[in-house]
Amino acid sequence: MAGLDWPSGEWALRTPAPAYVCIASFGGSTLTVEQAGSPLTVQPARFTVPQGGGVLPVTLTVTASGTTTLGLRVVSPAGKWQLLRTVALVVADGERWHLERAS
Protein backbone atom coordinates (compact mmCIF):
# COMPACT_ATOMS: atom_id res chain seq x y z
CA MET A 1 0.00 0.00 0.00
CA ALA A 2 1.22 3.51 -0.77
CA GLY A 3 -0.31 6.98 -0.73
CA LEU A 4 0.36 10.70 -0.41
CA ASP A 5 -0.78 13.03 2.36
CA TRP A 6 -0.37 16.80 2.78
CA PRO A 7 -1.52 19.73 4.93
CA SER A 8 -4.72 21.39 3.70
CA GLY A 9 -4.57 24.84 2.19
CA GLU A 10 -3.28 26.81 -0.75
CA TRP A 11 0.19 28.04 -1.57
CA ALA A 12 1.49 30.84 -3.76
CA LEU A 13 3.18 29.76 -6.99
CA ARG A 14 6.90 29.08 -6.46
CA THR A 15 6.29 28.53 -2.71
CA PRO A 16 7.45 25.07 -1.52
CA ALA A 17 4.92 22.96 0.36
CA PRO A 18 5.37 19.72 2.32
CA ALA A 19 3.81 16.40 1.42
CA TYR A 20 4.35 12.90 2.76
CA VAL A 21 4.60 9.60 0.92
CA CYS A 22 3.20 6.88 3.16
CA ILE A 23 4.26 3.35 2.21
CA ALA A 24 3.85 -0.05 3.83
CA SER A 25 6.15 -2.91 2.87
CA PHE A 26 8.14 -2.91 -0.41
CA GLY A 27 11.36 -2.61 1.65
CA GLY A 28 14.46 -2.22 -0.50
CA SER A 29 12.41 -1.24 -3.57
CA THR A 30 12.72 2.09 -5.38
CA LEU A 31 9.79 4.49 -5.03
CA THR A 32 9.49 7.33 -7.55
CA VAL A 33 7.04 10.25 -7.35
CA GLU A 34 6.00 10.81 -10.97
CA GLN A 35 4.22 13.77 -12.52
CA ALA A 36 2.39 14.55 -15.73
CA GLY A 37 1.22 18.06 -16.55
CA SER A 38 2.16 21.59 -15.55
CA PRO A 39 5.60 22.52 -14.20
CA LEU A 40 6.15 21.02 -10.74
CA THR A 41 9.29 20.16 -8.81
CA VAL A 42 9.29 17.22 -6.38
CA GLN A 43 12.30 16.99 -4.05
CA PRO A 44 13.39 14.31 -3.55
CA ALA A 45 11.50 12.44 -6.27
CA ARG A 46 13.11 9.03 -5.68
CA PHE A 47 13.62 6.93 -2.54
CA THR A 48 14.80 3.52 -1.51
CA VAL A 49 11.93 2.23 0.63
CA PRO A 50 13.06 1.38 4.18
CA GLN A 51 12.39 -2.13 5.49
CA GLY A 52 8.86 -2.14 6.92
CA GLY A 53 7.89 0.99 4.97
CA GLY A 54 7.43 4.41 6.53
CA VAL A 55 6.62 8.06 5.95
CA LEU A 56 8.91 9.81 3.46
CA PRO A 57 8.81 13.64 3.33
CA VAL A 58 8.86 15.46 -0.01
CA THR A 59 8.66 19.12 -1.00
CA LEU A 60 6.43 20.23 -3.87
CA THR A 61 6.95 23.49 -5.74
CA VAL A 62 4.59 24.60 -8.52
CA THR A 63 5.87 27.23 -10.94
CA ALA A 64 3.01 27.79 -13.41
CA SER A 65 -0.78 27.55 -13.71
CA GLY A 66 -2.32 24.28 -14.84
CA THR A 67 -3.05 20.79 -13.57
CA THR A 68 -0.52 18.09 -12.77
CA THR A 69 -1.17 14.44 -11.91
CA LEU A 70 1.06 12.91 -9.22
CA GLY A 71 1.66 9.19 -9.11
CA LEU A 72 3.75 6.69 -7.21
CA ARG A 73 5.75 3.96 -8.92
CA VAL A 74 7.45 1.19 -6.96
CA VAL A 75 10.01 -1.09 -8.61
CA SER A 76 11.66 -4.07 -6.89
CA PRO A 77 15.45 -4.39 -6.61
CA ALA A 78 15.18 -6.94 -9.47
CA GLY A 79 13.49 -4.33 -11.71
CA LYS A 80 9.93 -5.70 -11.47
CA TRP A 81 7.06 -3.21 -11.20
CA GLN A 82 5.25 -3.64 -7.90
CA LEU A 83 2.92 -0.65 -7.83
CA LEU A 84 1.77 2.17 -10.11
CA ARG A 85 -0.85 4.46 -8.58
CA THR A 86 -2.20 7.97 -9.20
CA VAL A 87 -2.41 9.68 -5.80
CA ALA A 88 -3.17 13.39 -6.26
CA LEU A 89 -3.88 16.29 -8.59
CA VAL A 90 -2.00 19.55 -8.29
CA VAL A 91 -4.23 22.42 -9.41
CA ALA A 92 -2.69 25.86 -10.01
CA ASP A 93 -4.88 28.77 -11.02
CA GLY A 94 -3.50 32.28 -11.31
CA GLU A 95 -1.00 32.79 -8.50
CA ARG A 96 -2.16 30.01 -6.11
CA TRP A 97 -2.06 26.20 -6.06
CA HIS A 98 -3.46 23.33 -4.01
CA LEU A 99 -3.61 19.54 -3.94
CA GLU A 100 -6.69 17.39 -4.50
CA ARG A 101 -7.25 13.67 -4.02
CA ALA A 102 -7.12 11.69 -7.24
CA SER A 103 -10.42 10.09 -8.17
PDB file of N, CA and C in Angstrom:
ATOM      1  N   MET A   1       0.840  -1.169   0.000  1.00  0.00           N
ATOM      2  CA  MET A   1       0.000   0.000   0.000  1.00  0.00           C
ATOM      3  C   MET A   1       0.891   1.240   0.000  1.00  0.00           C
ATOM      4  N   ALA A   2       0.469   2.251  -0.727  1.00  0.00           N
ATOM      5  CA  ALA A   2       1.215   3.513  -0.772  1.00  0.00           C
ATOM      6  C   ALA A   2       0.251   4.648  -1.059  1.00  0.00           C
ATOM      7  N   GLY A   3       0.539   5.818  -0.517  1.00  0.00           N
ATOM      8  CA  GLY A   3      -0.306   6.977  -0.730  1.00  0.00           C
ATOM      9  C   GLY A   3       0.457   8.258  -0.482  1.00  0.00           C
ATOM     10  N   LEU A   4      -0.228   9.380  -0.613  1.00  0.00           N
ATOM     11  CA  LEU A   4       0.356  10.696  -0.406  1.00  0.00           C
ATOM     12  C   LEU A   4      -0.571  11.483   0.499  1.00  0.00           C
ATOM     13  N   ASP A   5      -0.006  12.180   1.463  1.00  0.00           N
ATOM     14  CA  ASP A   5      -0.783  13.032   2.361  1.00  0.00           C
ATOM     15  C   ASP A   5      -0.119  14.404   2.398  1.00  0.00           C
ATOM     16  N   TRP A   6      -0.894  15.440   2.762  1.00  0.00           N
ATOM     17  CA  TRP A   6      -0.375  16.799   2.779  1.00  0.00           C
ATOM     18  C   TRP A   6      -1.247  17.665   3.673  1.00  0.00           C
ATOM     19  N   PRO A   7      -0.712  18.790   4.166  1.00  0.00           N
ATOM     20  CA  PRO A   7      -1.524  19.735   4.926  1.00  0.00           C
ATOM     21  C   PRO A   7      -2.543  20.391   4.003  1.00  0.00           C
ATOM     22  N   SER A   8      -3.711  20.711   4.525  1.00  0.00           N
ATOM     23  CA  SER A   8      -4.720  21.392   3.702  1.00  0.00           C
ATOM     24  C   SER A   8      -4.282  22.838   3.474  1.00  0.00           C
ATOM     25  N   GLY A   9      -4.846  23.439   2.457  1.00  0.00           N
ATOM     26  CA  GLY A   9      -4.574  24.844   2.195  1.00  0.00           C
ATOM     27  C   GLY A   9      -4.102  25.102   0.783  1.00  0.00           C
ATOM     28  N   GLU A  10      -3.791  26.367   0.541  1.00  0.00           N
ATOM     29  CA  GLU A  10      -3.284  26.807  -0.751  1.00  0.00           C
ATOM     30  C   GLU A  10      -1.928  27.450  -0.543  1.00  0.00           C
ATOM     31  N   TRP A  11      -1.128  27.422  -1.606  1.00  0.00           N
ATOM     32  CA  TRP A  11       0.189  28.037  -1.567  1.00  0.00           C
ATOM     33  C   TRP A  11       0.342  28.942  -2.772  1.00  0.00           C
ATOM     34  N   ALA A  12       1.160  29.972  -2.627  1.00  0.00           N
ATOM     35  CA  ALA A  12       1.486  30.841  -3.761  1.00  0.00           C
ATOM     36  C   ALA A  12       2.388  30.073  -4.724  1.00  0.00           C
ATOM     37  N   LEU A  13       2.275  30.367  -6.022  1.00  0.00           N
ATOM     38  CA  LEU A  13       3.184  29.765  -6.994  1.00  0.00           C
ATOM     39  C   LEU A  13       4.622  30.023  -6.555  1.00  0.00           C
ATOM     40  N   ARG A  14       5.480  29.039  -6.796  1.00  0.00           N
ATOM     41  CA  ARG A  14       6.895  29.077  -6.456  1.00  0.00           C
ATOM     42  C   ARG A  14       7.161  28.988  -4.954  1.00  0.00           C
ATOM     43  N   THR A  15       6.116  28.720  -4.151  1.00  0.00           N
ATOM     44  CA  THR A  15       6.293  28.528  -2.712  1.00  0.00           C
ATOM     45  C   THR A  15       6.299  27.036  -2.418  1.00  0.00           C
ATOM     46  N   PRO A  16       7.386  26.503  -1.843  1.00  0.00           N
ATOM     47  CA  PRO A  16       7.451  25.074  -1.522  1.00  0.00           C
ATOM     48  C   PRO A  16       6.421  24.683  -0.464  1.00  0.00           C
ATOM     49  N   ALA A  17       5.880  23.487  -0.609  1.00  0.00           N
ATOM     50  CA  ALA A  17       4.919  22.965   0.360  1.00  0.00           C
ATOM     51  C   ALA A  17       5.278  21.515   0.682  1.00  0.00           C
ATOM     52  N   PRO A  18       5.043  21.093   1.931  1.00  0.00           N
ATOM     53  CA  PRO A  18       5.372  19.723   2.322  1.00  0.00           C
ATOM     54  C   PRO A  18       4.295  18.738   1.894  1.00  0.00           C
ATOM     55  N   ALA A  19       4.718  17.525   1.638  1.00  0.00           N
ATOM     56  CA  ALA A  19       3.811  16.398   1.424  1.00  0.00           C
ATOM     57  C   ALA A  19       4.532  15.162   1.953  1.00  0.00           C
ATOM     58  N   TYR A  20       3.782  14.092   2.139  1.00  0.00           N
ATOM     59  CA  TYR A  20       4.353  12.900   2.759  1.00  0.00           C
ATOM     60  C   TYR A  20       3.909  11.654   2.009  1.00  0.00           C
ATOM     61  N   VAL A  21       4.879  10.888   1.520  1.00  0.00           N
ATOM     62  CA  VAL A  21       4.597   9.599   0.916  1.00  0.00           C
ATOM     63  C   VAL A  21       4.509   8.594   2.051  1.00  0.00           C
ATOM     64  N   CYS A  22       3.400   7.898   2.133  1.00  0.00           N
ATOM     65  CA  CYS A  22       3.197   6.875   3.155  1.00  0.00           C
ATOM     66  C   CYS A  22       3.224   5.522   2.450  1.00  0.00           C
ATOM     67  N   ILE A  23       4.116   4.633   2.899  1.00  0.00           N
ATOM     68  CA  ILE A  23       4.258   3.352   2.209  1.00  0.00           C
ATOM     69  C   ILE A  23       4.450   2.234   3.221  1.00  0.00           C
ATOM     70  N   ALA A  24       3.720   1.160   3.001  1.00  0.00           N
ATOM     71  CA  ALA A  24       3.852  -0.046   3.826  1.00  0.00           C
ATOM     72  C   ALA A  24       4.496  -1.117   2.967  1.00  0.00           C
ATOM     73  N   SER A  25       5.411  -1.829   3.538  1.00  0.00           N
ATOM     74  CA  SER A  25       6.149  -2.912   2.870  1.00  0.00           C
ATOM     75  C   SER A  25       6.986  -2.391   1.708  1.00  0.00           C
ATOM     76  N   PHE A  26       7.294  -3.235   0.741  1.00  0.00           N
ATOM     77  CA  PHE A  26       8.138  -2.913  -0.407  1.00  0.00           C
ATOM     78  C   PHE A  26       9.564  -2.536   0.000  1.00  0.00           C
ATOM     79  N   GLY A  27      10.017  -2.956   1.180  1.00  0.00           N
ATOM     80  CA  GLY A  27      11.356  -2.614   1.652  1.00  0.00           C
ATOM     81  C   GLY A  27      12.437  -2.957   0.639  1.00  0.00           C
ATOM     82  N   GLY A  28      13.364  -2.031   0.438  1.00  0.00           N
ATOM     83  CA  GLY A  28      14.456  -2.216  -0.503  1.00  0.00           C
ATOM     84  C   GLY A  28      14.119  -1.837  -1.940  1.00  0.00           C
ATOM     85  N   SER A  29      12.840  -1.624  -2.227  1.00  0.00           N
ATOM     86  CA  SER A  29      12.409  -1.235  -3.575  1.00  0.00           C
ATOM     87  C   SER A  29      12.663   0.255  -3.786  1.00  0.00           C
ATOM     88  N   THR A  30      12.586   0.673  -5.037  1.00  0.00           N
ATOM     89  CA  THR A  30      12.725   2.089  -5.379  1.00  0.00           C
ATOM     90  C   THR A  30      11.346   2.679  -5.591  1.00  0.00           C
ATOM     91  N   LEU A  31      11.048   3.771  -4.883  1.00  0.00           N
ATOM     92  CA  LEU A  31       9.792   4.490  -5.030  1.00  0.00           C
ATOM     93  C   LEU A  31      10.091   5.800  -5.745  1.00  0.00           C
ATOM     94  N   THR A  32       9.334   6.084  -6.801  1.00  0.00           N
ATOM     95  CA  THR A  32       9.489   7.330  -7.545  1.00  0.00           C
ATOM     96  C   THR A  32       8.162   8.077  -7.532  1.00  0.00           C
ATOM     97  N   VAL A  33       8.213   9.384  -7.233  1.00  0.00           N
ATOM     98  CA  VAL A  33       7.041  10.252  -7.349  1.00  0.00           C
ATOM     99  C   VAL A  33       7.066  10.801  -8.765  1.00  0.00           C
ATOM    100  N   GLU A  34       6.050  10.413  -9.560  1.00  0.00           N
ATOM    101  CA  GLU A  34       6.000  10.814 -10.970  1.00  0.00           C
ATOM    102  C   GLU A  34       4.964  11.899 -11.168  1.00  0.00           C
ATOM    103  N   GLN A  35       5.147  12.696 -12.225  1.00  0.00           N
ATOM    104  CA  GLN A  35       4.215  13.774 -12.521  1.00  0.00           C
ATOM    105  C   GLN A  35       3.947  13.845 -14.011  1.00  0.00           C
ATOM    106  N   ALA A  36       2.766  14.335 -14.344  1.00  0.00           N
ATOM    107  CA  ALA A  36       2.394  14.548 -15.734  1.00  0.00           C
ATOM    108  C   ALA A  36       1.526  15.794 -15.785  1.00  0.00           C
ATOM    109  N   GLY A  37       2.005  16.834 -16.443  1.00  0.00           N
ATOM    110  CA  GLY A  37       1.216  18.057 -16.551  1.00  0.00           C
ATOM    111  C   GLY A  37       2.069  19.296 -16.394  1.00  0.00           C
ATOM    112  N   SER A  38       1.519  20.287 -15.719  1.00  0.00           N
ATOM    113  CA  SER A  38       2.161  21.588 -15.554  1.00  0.00           C
ATOM    114  C   SER A  38       3.466  21.493 -14.775  1.00  0.00           C
ATOM    115  N   PRO A  39       4.310  22.528 -14.881  1.00  0.00           N
ATOM    116  CA  PRO A  39       5.600  22.517 -14.197  1.00  0.00           C
ATOM    117  C   PRO A  39       5.471  22.360 -12.678  1.00  0.00           C
ATOM    118  N   LEU A  40       6.160  21.352 -12.169  1.00  0.00           N
ATOM    119  CA  LEU A  40       6.149  21.024 -10.743  1.00  0.00           C
ATOM    120  C   LEU A  40       7.486  20.379 -10.409  1.00  0.00           C
ATOM    121  N   THR A  41       8.065  20.782  -9.296  1.00  0.00           N
ATOM    122  CA  THR A  41       9.291  20.161  -8.813  1.00  0.00           C
ATOM    123  C   THR A  41       8.967  19.347  -7.579  1.00  0.00           C
ATOM    124  N   VAL A  42       9.437  18.100  -7.546  1.00  0.00           N
ATOM    125  CA  VAL A  42       9.292  17.220  -6.383  1.00  0.00           C
ATOM    126  C   VAL A  42      10.704  16.918  -5.898  1.00  0.00           C
ATOM    127  N   GLN A  43      10.968  17.235  -4.619  1.00  0.00           N
ATOM    128  CA  GLN A  43      12.296  16.993  -4.054  1.00  0.00           C
ATOM    129  C   GLN A  43      12.180  16.256  -2.731  1.00  0.00           C
ATOM    130  N   PRO A  44      12.818  15.154  -2.513  1.00  0.00           N
ATOM    131  CA  PRO A  44      13.388  14.312  -3.554  1.00  0.00           C
ATOM    132  C   PRO A  44      12.272  13.574  -4.279  1.00  0.00           C
ATOM    133  N   ALA A  45      12.516  13.140  -5.481  1.00  0.00           N
ATOM    134  CA  ALA A  45      11.501  12.443  -6.271  1.00  0.00           C
ATOM    135  C   ALA A  45      11.700  10.933  -6.253  1.00  0.00           C
ATOM    136  N   ARG A  46      12.813  10.461  -5.682  1.00  0.00           N
ATOM    137  CA  ARG A  46      13.112   9.027  -5.681  1.00  0.00           C
ATOM    138  C   ARG A  46      13.670   8.618  -4.319  1.00  0.00           C
ATOM    139  N   PHE A  47      13.198   7.455  -3.838  1.00  0.00           N
ATOM    140  CA  PHE A  47      13.616   6.927  -2.541  1.00  0.00           C
ATOM    141  C   PHE A  47      13.902   5.442  -2.652  1.00  0.00           C
ATOM    142  N   THR A  48      14.748   4.946  -1.782  1.00  0.00           N
ATOM    143  CA  THR A  48      14.802   3.518  -1.508  1.00  0.00           C
ATOM    144  C   THR A  48      13.901   3.307  -0.302  1.00  0.00           C
ATOM    145  N   VAL A  49      12.914   2.443  -0.430  1.00  0.00           N
ATOM    146  CA  VAL A  49      11.929   2.232   0.630  1.00  0.00           C
ATOM    147  C   VAL A  49      12.601   1.507   1.804  1.00  0.00           C
ATOM    148  N   PRO A  50      12.469   2.062   3.023  1.00  0.00           N
ATOM    149  CA  PRO A  50      13.056   1.383   4.181  1.00  0.00           C
ATOM    150  C   PRO A  50      12.327   0.068   4.475  1.00  0.00           C
ATOM    151  N   GLN A  51      13.030  -0.881   5.088  1.00  0.00           N
ATOM    152  CA  GLN A  51      12.389  -2.131   5.494  1.00  0.00           C
ATOM    153  C   GLN A  51      11.212  -1.805   6.407  1.00  0.00           C
ATOM    154  N   GLY A  52      10.065  -2.412   6.141  1.00  0.00           N
ATOM    155  CA  GLY A  52       8.860  -2.144   6.924  1.00  0.00           C
ATOM    156  C   GLY A  52       8.090  -0.925   6.475  1.00  0.00           C
ATOM    157  N   GLY A  53       8.594  -0.194   5.467  1.00  0.00           N
ATOM    158  CA  GLY A  53       7.893   0.986   4.973  1.00  0.00           C
ATOM    159  C   GLY A  53       8.136   2.191   5.858  1.00  0.00           C
ATOM    160  N   GLY A  54       7.295   3.210   5.715  1.00  0.00           N
ATOM    161  CA  GLY A  54       7.434   4.407   6.532  1.00  0.00           C
ATOM    162  C   GLY A  54       6.795   5.611   5.883  1.00  0.00           C
ATOM    163  N   VAL A  55       7.108   6.775   6.453  1.00  0.00           N
ATOM    164  CA  VAL A  55       6.620   8.058   5.951  1.00  0.00           C
ATOM    165  C   VAL A  55       7.831   8.812   5.414  1.00  0.00           C
ATOM    166  N   LEU A  56       7.781   9.185   4.143  1.00  0.00           N
ATOM    167  CA  LEU A  56       8.906   9.812   3.462  1.00  0.00           C
ATOM    168  C   LEU A  56       8.519  11.236   3.072  1.00  0.00           C
ATOM    169  N   PRO A  57       9.180  12.252   3.643  1.00  0.00           N
ATOM    170  CA  PRO A  57       8.806  13.636   3.328  1.00  0.00           C
ATOM    171  C   PRO A  57       9.315  14.071   1.961  1.00  0.00           C
ATOM    172  N   VAL A  58       8.477  14.833   1.256  1.00  0.00           N
ATOM    173  CA  VAL A  58       8.857  15.457  -0.007  1.00  0.00           C
ATOM    174  C   VAL A  58       8.445  16.924   0.035  1.00  0.00           C
ATOM    175  N   THR A  59       9.039  17.711  -0.841  1.00  0.00           N
ATOM    176  CA  THR A  59       8.661  19.116  -0.997  1.00  0.00           C
ATOM    177  C   THR A  59       8.186  19.313  -2.424  1.00  0.00           C
ATOM    178  N   LEU A  60       7.024  19.947  -2.560  1.00  0.00           N
ATOM    179  CA  LEU A  60       6.434  20.225  -3.871  1.00  0.00           C
ATOM    180  C   LEU A  60       6.515  21.726  -4.136  1.00  0.00           C
ATOM    181  N   THR A  61       6.917  22.088  -5.344  1.00  0.00           N
ATOM    182  CA  THR A  61       6.951  23.492  -5.738  1.00  0.00           C
ATOM    183  C   THR A  61       6.343  23.610  -7.131  1.00  0.00           C
ATOM    184  N   VAL A  62       5.280  24.393  -7.246  1.00  0.00           N
ATOM    185  CA  VAL A  62       4.590  24.604  -8.520  1.00  0.00           C
ATOM    186  C   VAL A  62       5.024  25.964  -9.066  1.00  0.00           C
ATOM    187  N   THR A  63       5.352  26.004 -10.362  1.00  0.00           N
ATOM    188  CA  THR A  63       5.873  27.235 -10.937  1.00  0.00           C
ATOM    189  C   THR A  63       4.995  27.877 -12.003  1.00  0.00           C
ATOM    190  N   ALA A  64       3.881  27.219 -12.382  1.00  0.00           N
ATOM    191  CA  ALA A  64       3.006  27.792 -13.410  1.00  0.00           C
ATOM    192  C   ALA A  64       1.584  27.256 -13.247  1.00  0.00           C
ATOM    193  N   SER A  65       0.619  27.978 -13.767  1.00  0.00           N
ATOM    194  CA  SER A  65      -0.778  27.547 -13.714  1.00  0.00           C
ATOM    195  C   SER A  65      -0.982  26.292 -14.538  1.00  0.00           C
ATOM    196  N   GLY A  66      -1.973  25.495 -14.132  1.00  0.00           N
ATOM    197  CA  GLY A  66      -2.316  24.276 -14.842  1.00  0.00           C
ATOM    198  C   GLY A  66      -2.596  23.157 -13.860  1.00  0.00           C
ATOM    199  N   THR A  67      -2.765  21.958 -14.391  1.00  0.00           N
ATOM    200  CA  THR A  67      -3.052  20.786 -13.573  1.00  0.00           C
ATOM    201  C   THR A  67      -1.982  19.733 -13.803  1.00  0.00           C
ATOM    202  N   THR A  68      -1.539  19.136 -12.724  1.00  0.00           N
ATOM    203  CA  THR A  68      -0.523  18.088 -12.772  1.00  0.00           C
ATOM    204  C   THR A  68      -1.037  16.870 -12.025  1.00  0.00           C
ATOM    205  N   THR A  69      -0.833  15.697 -12.572  1.00  0.00           N
ATOM    206  CA  THR A  69      -1.166  14.445 -11.907  1.00  0.00           C
ATOM    207  C   THR A  69       0.087  13.914 -11.222  1.00  0.00           C
ATOM    208  N   LEU A  70      -0.043  13.527  -9.952  1.00  0.00           N
ATOM    209  CA  LEU A  70       1.058  12.914  -9.215  1.00  0.00           C
ATOM    210  C   LEU A  70       0.784  11.433  -9.043  1.00  0.00           C
ATOM    211  N   GLY A  71       1.793  10.629  -9.276  1.00  0.00           N
ATOM    212  CA  GLY A  71       1.658   9.191  -9.112  1.00  0.00           C
ATOM    213  C   GLY A  71       2.849   8.620  -8.380  1.00  0.00           C
ATOM    214  N   LEU A  72       2.677   7.413  -7.875  1.00  0.00           N
ATOM    215  CA  LEU A  72       3.749   6.688  -7.206  1.00  0.00           C
ATOM    216  C   LEU A  72       4.036   5.425  -7.996  1.00  0.00           C
ATOM    217  N   ARG A  73       5.315   5.186  -8.253  1.00  0.00           N
ATOM    218  CA  ARG A  73       5.748   3.959  -8.920  1.00  0.00           C
ATOM    219  C   ARG A  73       6.754   3.276  -8.017  1.00  0.00           C
ATOM    220  N   VAL A  74       6.543   1.980  -7.781  1.00  0.00           N
ATOM    221  CA  VAL A  74       7.453   1.193  -6.957  1.00  0.00           C
ATOM    222  C   VAL A  74       8.001   0.052  -7.808  1.00  0.00           C
ATOM    223  N   VAL A  75       9.331  -0.064  -7.829  1.00  0.00           N
ATOM    224  CA  VAL A  75      10.013  -1.093  -8.606  1.00  0.00           C
ATOM    225  C   VAL A  75      10.913  -1.876  -7.661  1.00  0.00           C
ATOM    226  N   SER A  76      10.858  -3.198  -7.749  1.00  0.00           N
ATOM    227  CA  SER A  76      11.658  -4.066  -6.886  1.00  0.00           C
ATOM    228  C   SER A  76      13.145  -3.940  -7.221  1.00  0.00           C
ATOM    229  N   PRO A  77      14.022  -4.396  -6.310  1.00  0.00           N
ATOM    230  CA  PRO A  77      15.451  -4.387  -6.613  1.00  0.00           C
ATOM    231  C   PRO A  77      15.792  -5.177  -7.885  1.00  0.00           C
ATOM    232  N   ALA A  78      14.957  -6.155  -8.255  1.00  0.00           N
ATOM    233  CA  ALA A  78      15.182  -6.944  -9.472  1.00  0.00           C
ATOM    234  C   ALA A  78      14.631  -6.255 -10.723  1.00  0.00           C
ATOM    235  N   GLY A  79      14.015  -5.067 -10.566  1.00  0.00           N
ATOM    236  CA  GLY A  79      13.494  -4.327 -11.709  1.00  0.00           C
ATOM    237  C   GLY A  79      12.044  -4.625 -12.060  1.00  0.00           C
ATOM    238  N   LYS A  80      11.334  -5.370 -11.218  1.00  0.00           N
ATOM    239  CA  LYS A  80       9.934  -5.703 -11.473  1.00  0.00           C
ATOM    240  C   LYS A  80       9.006  -4.632 -10.880  1.00  0.00           C
ATOM    241  N   TRP A  81       8.034  -4.187 -11.703  1.00  0.00           N
ATOM    242  CA  TRP A  81       7.063  -3.207 -11.204  1.00  0.00           C
ATOM    243  C   TRP A  81       6.206  -3.846 -10.128  1.00  0.00           C
ATOM    244  N   GLN A  82       6.063  -3.155  -9.012  1.00  0.00           N
ATOM    245  CA  GLN A  82       5.254  -3.644  -7.904  1.00  0.00           C
ATOM    246  C   GLN A  82       3.998  -2.812  -7.683  1.00  0.00           C
ATOM    247  N   LEU A  83       4.049  -1.534  -8.070  1.00  0.00           N
ATOM    248  CA  LEU A  83       2.916  -0.646  -7.834  1.00  0.00           C
ATOM    249  C   LEU A  83       3.015   0.539  -8.781  1.00  0.00           C
ATOM    250  N   LEU A  84       1.889   0.944  -9.332  1.00  0.00           N
ATOM    251  CA  LEU A  84       1.773   2.171 -10.107  1.00  0.00           C
ATOM    252  C   LEU A  84       0.416   2.747  -9.759  1.00  0.00           C
ATOM    253  N   ARG A  85       0.404   3.918  -9.115  1.00  0.00           N
ATOM    254  CA  ARG A  85      -0.853   4.456  -8.578  1.00  0.00           C
ATOM    255  C   ARG A  85      -0.876   5.976  -8.682  1.00  0.00           C
ATOM    256  N   THR A  86      -1.980   6.529  -9.209  1.00  0.00           N
ATOM    257  CA  THR A  86      -2.204   7.967  -9.197  1.00  0.00           C
ATOM    258  C   THR A  86      -2.711   8.338  -7.806  1.00  0.00           C
ATOM    259  N   VAL A  87      -2.078   9.367  -7.189  1.00  0.00           N
ATOM    260  CA  VAL A  87      -2.412   9.677  -5.798  1.00  0.00           C
ATOM    261  C   VAL A  87      -2.964  11.083  -5.587  1.00  0.00           C
ATOM    262  N   ALA A  88      -2.702  12.020  -6.492  1.00  0.00           N
ATOM    263  CA  ALA A  88      -3.170  13.390  -6.261  1.00  0.00           C
ATOM    264  C   ALA A  88      -3.156  14.189  -7.553  1.00  0.00           C
ATOM    265  N   LEU A  89      -3.908  15.282  -7.527  1.00  0.00           N
ATOM    266  CA  LEU A  89      -3.875  16.285  -8.586  1.00  0.00           C
ATOM    267  C   LEU A  89      -3.366  17.581  -7.975  1.00  0.00           C
ATOM    268  N   VAL A  90      -2.472  18.236  -8.678  1.00  0.00           N
ATOM    269  CA  VAL A  90      -1.996  19.552  -8.295  1.00  0.00           C
ATOM    270  C   VAL A  90      -2.696  20.542  -9.208  1.00  0.00           C
ATOM    271  N   VAL A  91      -3.451  21.466  -8.625  1.00  0.00           N
ATOM    272  CA  VAL A  91      -4.235  22.423  -9.407  1.00  0.00           C
ATOM    273  C   VAL A  91      -3.719  23.826  -9.111  1.00  0.00           C
ATOM    274  N   ALA A  92      -3.210  24.491 -10.141  1.00  0.00           N
ATOM    275  CA  ALA A  92      -2.693  25.856 -10.005  1.00  0.00           C
ATOM    276  C   ALA A  92      -3.514  26.771 -10.897  1.00  0.00           C
ATOM    277  N   ASP A  93      -4.041  27.828 -10.301  1.00  0.00           N
ATOM    278  CA  ASP A  93      -4.885  28.773 -11.021  1.00  0.00           C
ATOM    279  C   ASP A  93      -4.440  30.179 -10.645  1.00  0.00           C
ATOM    280  N   GLY A  94      -3.985  30.931 -11.613  1.00  0.00           N
ATOM    281  CA  GLY A  94      -3.501  32.282 -11.310  1.00  0.00           C
ATOM    282  C   GLY A  94      -2.200  32.218 -10.529  1.00  0.00           C
ATOM    283  N   GLU A  95      -2.209  32.738  -9.319  1.00  0.00           N
ATOM    284  CA  GLU A  95      -0.997  32.787  -8.499  1.00  0.00           C
ATOM    285  C   GLU A  95      -1.019  31.826  -7.318  1.00  0.00           C
ATOM    286  N   ARG A  96      -2.018  30.932  -7.243  1.00  0.00           N
ATOM    287  CA  ARG A  96      -2.157  30.011  -6.105  1.00  0.00           C
ATOM    288  C   ARG A  96      -2.251  28.579  -6.607  1.00  0.00           C
ATOM    289  N   TRP A  97      -1.912  27.616  -5.717  1.00  0.00           N
ATOM    290  CA  TRP A  97      -2.062  26.205  -6.060  1.00  0.00           C
ATOM    291  C   TRP A  97      -2.450  25.408  -4.830  1.00  0.00           C
ATOM    292  N   HIS A  98      -3.071  24.239  -5.091  1.00  0.00           N
ATOM    293  CA  HIS A  98      -3.462  23.330  -4.014  1.00  0.00           C
ATOM    294  C   HIS A  98      -3.452  21.895  -4.531  1.00  0.00           C
ATOM    295  N   LEU A  99      -3.556  20.958  -3.606  1.00  0.00           N
ATOM    296  CA  LEU A  99      -3.610  19.540  -3.941  1.00  0.00           C
ATOM    297  C   LEU A  99      -5.024  19.019  -3.749  1.00  0.00           C
ATOM    298  N   GLU A 100      -5.407  18.075  -4.602  1.00  0.00           N
ATOM    299  CA  GLU A 100      -6.694  17.391  -4.497  1.00  0.00           C
ATOM    300  C   GLU A 100      -6.470  15.899  -4.579  1.00  0.00           C
ATOM    301  N   ARG A 101      -7.329  15.143  -3.929  1.00  0.00           N
ATOM    302  CA  ARG A 101      -7.254  13.672  -4.020  1.00  0.00           C
ATOM    303  C   ARG A 101      -7.558  13.245  -5.446  1.00  0.00           C
ATOM    304  N   ALA A 102      -6.836  12.267  -5.918  1.00  0.00           N
ATOM    305  CA  ALA A 102      -7.119  11.690  -7.238  1.00  0.00           C
ATOM    306  C   ALA A 102      -8.393  10.859  -7.152  1.00  0.00           C
ATOM    307  N   SER A 103      -9.185  10.882  -8.201  1.00  0.00           N
ATOM    308  CA  SER A 103     -10.425  10.089  -8.169  1.00  0.00           C
ATOM    309  C   SER A 103     -10.227   8.738  -8.789  1.00  0.00           C
TER     310      SER A 103
END
